[in-house]
N, C-alpha and C. Protein backbone atom coordinates (compact mmCIF):
# COMPACT_ATOMS: atom_id res chain seq x y z
N MET A 1 -28.62 0.65 -20.77
CA MET A 1 -28.86 -0.10 -19.56
C MET A 1 -27.86 -1.26 -19.44
N LYS A 2 -27.56 -1.86 -20.58
CA LYS A 2 -26.64 -2.99 -20.60
C LYS A 2 -25.24 -2.54 -20.15
N ILE A 3 -24.81 -1.37 -20.59
CA ILE A 3 -23.50 -0.85 -20.21
C ILE A 3 -23.45 -0.55 -18.72
N LEU A 4 -24.53 -0.06 -18.16
CA LEU A 4 -24.59 0.24 -16.73
C LEU A 4 -24.43 -1.03 -15.90
N VAL A 5 -25.10 -2.08 -16.27
CA VAL A 5 -25.00 -3.36 -15.56
C VAL A 5 -23.59 -3.92 -15.66
N ILE A 6 -23.00 -3.86 -16.84
CA ILE A 6 -21.63 -4.36 -17.03
C ILE A 6 -20.66 -3.54 -16.18
N SER A 7 -20.84 -2.23 -16.13
CA SER A 7 -19.98 -1.36 -15.33
C SER A 7 -20.08 -1.69 -13.85
N ILE A 8 -21.29 -1.90 -13.38
CA ILE A 8 -21.49 -2.23 -11.96
C ILE A 8 -20.84 -3.58 -11.63
N VAL A 9 -20.95 -4.54 -12.53
CA VAL A 9 -20.32 -5.85 -12.31
C VAL A 9 -18.80 -5.71 -12.24
N PHE A 10 -18.21 -4.97 -13.18
CA PHE A 10 -16.77 -4.77 -13.17
C PHE A 10 -16.32 -4.03 -11.91
N LEU A 11 -17.07 -3.05 -11.47
CA LEU A 11 -16.74 -2.31 -10.26
C LEU A 11 -16.81 -3.22 -9.03
N ALA A 12 -17.81 -4.06 -8.97
CA ALA A 12 -17.94 -4.99 -7.85
C ALA A 12 -16.78 -5.99 -7.83
N ILE A 13 -16.38 -6.47 -8.99
CA ILE A 13 -15.24 -7.40 -9.07
C ILE A 13 -13.95 -6.70 -8.63
N ALA A 14 -13.75 -5.46 -9.05
CA ALA A 14 -12.56 -4.71 -8.67
C ALA A 14 -12.49 -4.50 -7.17
N VAL A 15 -13.60 -4.12 -6.55
CA VAL A 15 -13.62 -3.91 -5.10
C VAL A 15 -13.36 -5.22 -4.37
N LEU A 16 -13.92 -6.29 -4.83
CA LEU A 16 -13.70 -7.60 -4.22
C LEU A 16 -12.24 -8.01 -4.32
N LEU A 17 -11.63 -7.82 -5.48
CA LEU A 17 -10.22 -8.20 -5.64
C LEU A 17 -9.28 -7.31 -4.84
N LEU A 18 -9.60 -6.03 -4.71
CA LEU A 18 -8.77 -5.14 -3.90
C LEU A 18 -8.86 -5.47 -2.41
N GLY A 19 -9.99 -6.03 -2.00
CA GLY A 19 -10.18 -6.32 -0.58
C GLY A 19 -10.08 -7.78 -0.22
N VAL A 20 -9.42 -8.59 -1.03
CA VAL A 20 -9.33 -10.03 -0.75
C VAL A 20 -8.75 -10.28 0.64
N LYS A 21 -7.65 -9.63 0.96
CA LYS A 21 -7.01 -9.84 2.26
C LYS A 21 -7.92 -9.36 3.40
N VAL A 22 -8.58 -8.26 3.20
CA VAL A 22 -9.44 -7.70 4.23
C VAL A 22 -10.67 -8.58 4.46
N PHE A 23 -11.26 -9.05 3.36
CA PHE A 23 -12.50 -9.81 3.47
C PHE A 23 -12.30 -11.26 3.89
N PHE A 24 -11.22 -11.90 3.45
CA PHE A 24 -11.09 -13.34 3.62
C PHE A 24 -10.03 -13.79 4.61
N VAL A 25 -9.20 -12.89 5.12
CA VAL A 25 -8.18 -13.26 6.10
C VAL A 25 -8.62 -12.75 7.46
N LYS A 26 -8.61 -13.63 8.44
CA LYS A 26 -9.02 -13.22 9.78
C LYS A 26 -8.01 -12.20 10.31
N GLY A 27 -8.49 -11.06 10.73
CA GLY A 27 -7.62 -10.00 11.23
C GLY A 27 -6.92 -9.24 10.11
N GLY A 28 -7.33 -9.46 8.87
CA GLY A 28 -6.72 -8.78 7.74
C GLY A 28 -7.11 -7.31 7.72
N LYS A 29 -6.20 -6.48 7.25
CA LYS A 29 -6.48 -5.06 7.12
C LYS A 29 -5.68 -4.49 5.96
N PHE A 30 -6.08 -3.33 5.48
CA PHE A 30 -5.37 -2.69 4.40
C PHE A 30 -4.00 -2.24 4.90
N PRO A 31 -2.98 -2.27 4.05
CA PRO A 31 -1.65 -1.85 4.48
C PRO A 31 -1.62 -0.36 4.79
N ASN A 32 -0.79 0.00 5.74
CA ASN A 32 -0.63 1.40 6.11
C ASN A 32 0.33 2.06 5.13
N THR A 33 -0.15 3.02 4.36
CA THR A 33 0.67 3.67 3.35
C THR A 33 1.08 5.08 3.74
N HIS A 34 0.79 5.48 4.97
CA HIS A 34 1.16 6.81 5.42
C HIS A 34 2.64 6.87 5.75
N VAL A 35 3.19 8.07 5.76
CA VAL A 35 4.61 8.26 6.03
C VAL A 35 4.96 7.74 7.42
N HIS A 36 4.11 7.99 8.40
CA HIS A 36 4.43 7.55 9.76
C HIS A 36 4.35 6.03 9.92
N GLY A 37 3.81 5.33 8.95
CA GLY A 37 3.73 3.88 9.02
C GLY A 37 4.89 3.18 8.34
N ASN A 38 5.82 3.93 7.79
CA ASN A 38 6.95 3.36 7.07
C ASN A 38 8.18 3.38 7.97
N PRO A 39 8.69 2.21 8.38
CA PRO A 39 9.84 2.17 9.29
C PRO A 39 11.10 2.79 8.70
N ALA A 40 11.32 2.66 7.39
CA ALA A 40 12.53 3.24 6.78
C ALA A 40 12.51 4.76 6.85
N LEU A 41 11.34 5.36 6.67
CA LEU A 41 11.25 6.82 6.77
C LEU A 41 11.38 7.29 8.21
N ARG A 42 10.80 6.54 9.14
CA ARG A 42 10.95 6.89 10.55
C ARG A 42 12.41 6.82 10.98
N LYS A 43 13.14 5.84 10.46
CA LYS A 43 14.55 5.67 10.80
C LYS A 43 15.36 6.89 10.33
N ARG A 44 14.96 7.46 9.19
CA ARG A 44 15.64 8.64 8.66
C ARG A 44 15.06 9.94 9.21
N ASN A 45 14.13 9.83 10.14
CA ASN A 45 13.49 10.98 10.79
C ASN A 45 12.73 11.85 9.79
N ILE A 46 12.08 11.21 8.81
CA ILE A 46 11.26 11.92 7.83
C ILE A 46 9.81 11.81 8.31
N THR A 47 9.15 12.95 8.42
CA THR A 47 7.79 12.97 8.93
C THR A 47 6.84 13.53 7.88
N CYS A 48 5.57 13.42 8.17
CA CYS A 48 4.53 13.92 7.28
C CYS A 48 4.51 15.44 7.30
N ALA A 49 4.37 16.06 6.14
CA ALA A 49 4.36 17.51 6.05
C ALA A 49 3.17 18.11 6.77
N SER A 50 2.03 17.44 6.73
CA SER A 50 0.85 17.99 7.41
C SER A 50 0.99 17.92 8.92
N GLY A 51 1.83 17.05 9.43
CA GLY A 51 2.07 16.97 10.87
C GLY A 51 2.94 18.10 11.38
N ASN A 52 3.66 18.74 10.48
CA ASN A 52 4.54 19.85 10.86
C ASN A 52 3.80 21.16 10.94
N ASP A 53 2.61 21.24 10.36
CA ASP A 53 1.85 22.51 10.34
C ASP A 53 1.31 22.86 11.69
């Protein structure tokens, strides 16, 4: 039981730290990591493989 509580606490801390910008910055959001969200790839005309199907 003790290990379960410790695991849940660590998981909650990890989620909180990953979402600091989202939770505490007004208008904050997670960064766009998709291919179409990368200006350098768009400049080279590289697109997502699933979009070509």
